Amino acid sequence: MASKINNTPTLTGRSAKRFVKLMNERPSKEKRDYWKKVESQKKVPF
C-alpha cells in the first residue's frame, strides 16, 4: 500500500530568501552543459 504524501513545507525567513536568490541566478556554463548532456541521454532510439 502506498504511503501518504505530506504537504510541501512553506519556506520562510532565510530559507525563502536563499531559494529566491538561487532561482533568479543564471546557471553556470558547467551546469548548463551538464543538463544538456542529461537531456540528450533521455532519448531512446527505436
N, C-alpha and C. Protein backbone atom coordinates (compact mmCIF):
# COMPACT_ATOMS: atom_id res chain seq x y z
N MET A 1 0.84 -1.17 0.00
CA MET A 1 0.00 0.00 0.00
C MET A 1 0.89 1.24 0.00
N ALA A 2 0.47 2.26 -0.69
CA ALA A 2 1.27 3.49 -0.82
C ALA A 2 1.23 4.31 0.46
N SER A 3 2.31 5.04 0.68
CA SER A 3 2.39 5.93 1.84
C SER A 3 1.65 7.22 1.55
N LYS A 4 1.20 7.86 2.61
CA LYS A 4 0.53 9.15 2.47
C LYS A 4 1.57 10.19 2.08
N ILE A 5 1.21 11.08 1.16
CA ILE A 5 2.10 12.15 0.73
C ILE A 5 1.78 13.38 1.57
N ASN A 6 2.79 13.89 2.27
CA ASN A 6 2.60 15.06 3.12
C ASN A 6 2.63 16.34 2.30
N ASN A 7 2.09 17.41 2.89
CA ASN A 7 2.12 18.72 2.24
C ASN A 7 3.56 19.21 2.13
N THR A 8 3.82 20.03 1.11
CA THR A 8 5.13 20.63 0.94
C THR A 8 5.27 21.74 1.98
N PRO A 9 6.38 21.75 2.73
CA PRO A 9 6.53 22.80 3.73
C PRO A 9 6.69 24.18 3.10
N THR A 10 6.24 25.20 3.80
CA THR A 10 6.35 26.58 3.33
C THR A 10 7.69 27.13 3.75
N LEU A 11 8.40 27.74 2.81
CA LEU A 11 9.69 28.36 3.13
C LEU A 11 9.46 29.73 3.73
N THR A 12 10.19 30.02 4.79
CA THR A 12 10.11 31.34 5.42
C THR A 12 11.51 31.81 5.80
N GLY A 13 11.65 33.10 6.02
CA GLY A 13 12.90 33.65 6.52
C GLY A 13 14.06 33.49 5.56
N ARG A 14 15.22 33.09 6.14
CA ARG A 14 16.45 32.97 5.34
C ARG A 14 16.32 31.90 4.27
N SER A 15 15.61 30.83 4.57
CA SER A 15 15.44 29.76 3.58
C SER A 15 14.71 30.27 2.34
N ALA A 16 13.68 31.06 2.55
CA ALA A 16 12.91 31.61 1.43
C ALA A 16 13.77 32.57 0.61
N LYS A 17 14.53 33.42 1.29
CA LYS A 17 15.39 34.38 0.58
C LYS A 17 16.46 33.66 -0.23
N ARG A 18 17.06 32.61 0.35
CA ARG A 18 18.09 31.85 -0.36
C ARG A 18 17.49 31.15 -1.58
N PHE A 19 16.28 30.59 -1.43
CA PHE A 19 15.62 29.91 -2.54
C PHE A 19 15.34 30.88 -3.69
N VAL A 20 14.81 32.05 -3.38
CA VAL A 20 14.51 33.04 -4.41
C VAL A 20 15.79 33.49 -5.10
N LYS A 21 16.85 33.70 -4.31
CA LYS A 21 18.13 34.12 -4.88
C LYS A 21 18.65 33.06 -5.85
N LEU A 22 18.59 31.79 -5.45
CA LEU A 22 19.07 30.71 -6.33
C LEU A 22 18.23 30.59 -7.60
N MET A 23 16.92 30.81 -7.50
CA MET A 23 16.05 30.70 -8.67
C MET A 23 16.28 31.86 -9.64
N ASN A 24 16.74 33.01 -9.14
CA ASN A 24 16.96 34.17 -10.00
C ASN A 24 18.34 34.18 -10.64
N GLU A 25 19.26 33.37 -10.15
CA GLU A 25 20.61 33.34 -10.71
C GLU A 25 20.63 32.51 -12.00
N ARG A 26 21.42 32.96 -12.93
CA ARG A 26 21.61 32.21 -14.17
C ARG A 26 22.53 31.03 -13.88
N PRO A 27 22.20 29.84 -14.35
CA PRO A 27 23.08 28.68 -14.10
C PRO A 27 24.45 28.87 -14.77
N SER A 28 25.47 28.31 -14.15
CA SER A 28 26.82 28.42 -14.71
C SER A 28 26.91 27.61 -16.01
N LYS A 29 27.93 27.88 -16.79
CA LYS A 29 28.13 27.16 -18.06
C LYS A 29 28.26 25.67 -17.81
N GLU A 30 28.94 25.30 -16.73
CA GLU A 30 29.11 23.88 -16.42
C GLU A 30 27.77 23.21 -16.15
N LYS A 31 26.89 23.89 -15.41
CA LYS A 31 25.57 23.32 -15.12
C LYS A 31 24.72 23.22 -16.39
N ARG A 32 24.80 24.26 -17.24
CA ARG A 32 24.03 24.22 -18.49
C ARG A 32 24.51 23.07 -19.36
N ASP A 33 25.84 22.89 -19.47
CA ASP A 33 26.39 21.79 -20.27
C ASP A 33 25.97 20.44 -19.68
N TYR A 34 26.00 20.34 -18.35
CA TYR A 34 25.60 19.09 -17.69
C TYR A 34 24.15 18.73 -18.04
N TRP A 35 23.24 19.73 -17.93
CA TRP A 35 21.83 19.44 -18.20
C TRP A 35 21.57 19.16 -19.67
N LYS A 36 22.34 19.77 -20.57
CA LYS A 36 22.21 19.43 -21.99
C LYS A 36 22.59 17.98 -22.22
N LYS A 37 23.66 17.53 -21.54
CA LYS A 37 24.09 16.15 -21.67
C LYS A 37 23.04 15.19 -21.11
N VAL A 38 22.46 15.54 -19.97
CA VAL A 38 21.42 14.70 -19.35
C VAL A 38 20.21 14.61 -20.27
N GLU A 39 19.78 15.75 -20.82
CA GLU A 39 18.62 15.76 -21.72
C GLU A 39 18.87 14.92 -22.96
N SER A 40 20.09 14.95 -23.49
CA SER A 40 20.39 14.20 -24.71
C SER A 40 20.37 12.70 -24.44
N GLN A 41 20.61 12.29 -23.20
CA GLN A 41 20.64 10.87 -22.88
C GLN A 41 19.26 10.31 -22.59
N LYS A 42 18.25 11.17 -22.48
CA LYS A 42 16.89 10.71 -22.18
C LYS A 42 16.21 10.08 -23.40
N LYS A 43 16.67 10.42 -24.59
CA LYS A 43 16.02 9.94 -25.80
C LYS A 43 16.44 8.50 -26.08
N VAL A 44 15.45 7.65 -26.28
CA VAL A 44 15.73 6.23 -26.55
C VAL A 44 15.36 5.93 -28.00
N PRO A 45 16.36 5.64 -28.84
CA PRO A 45 16.03 5.33 -30.24
C PRO A 45 15.40 3.94 -30.36
N PHE A 46 14.44 3.81 -31.26
CA PHE A 46 13.81 2.51 -31.51
C PHE A 46 14.15 2.00 -32.86
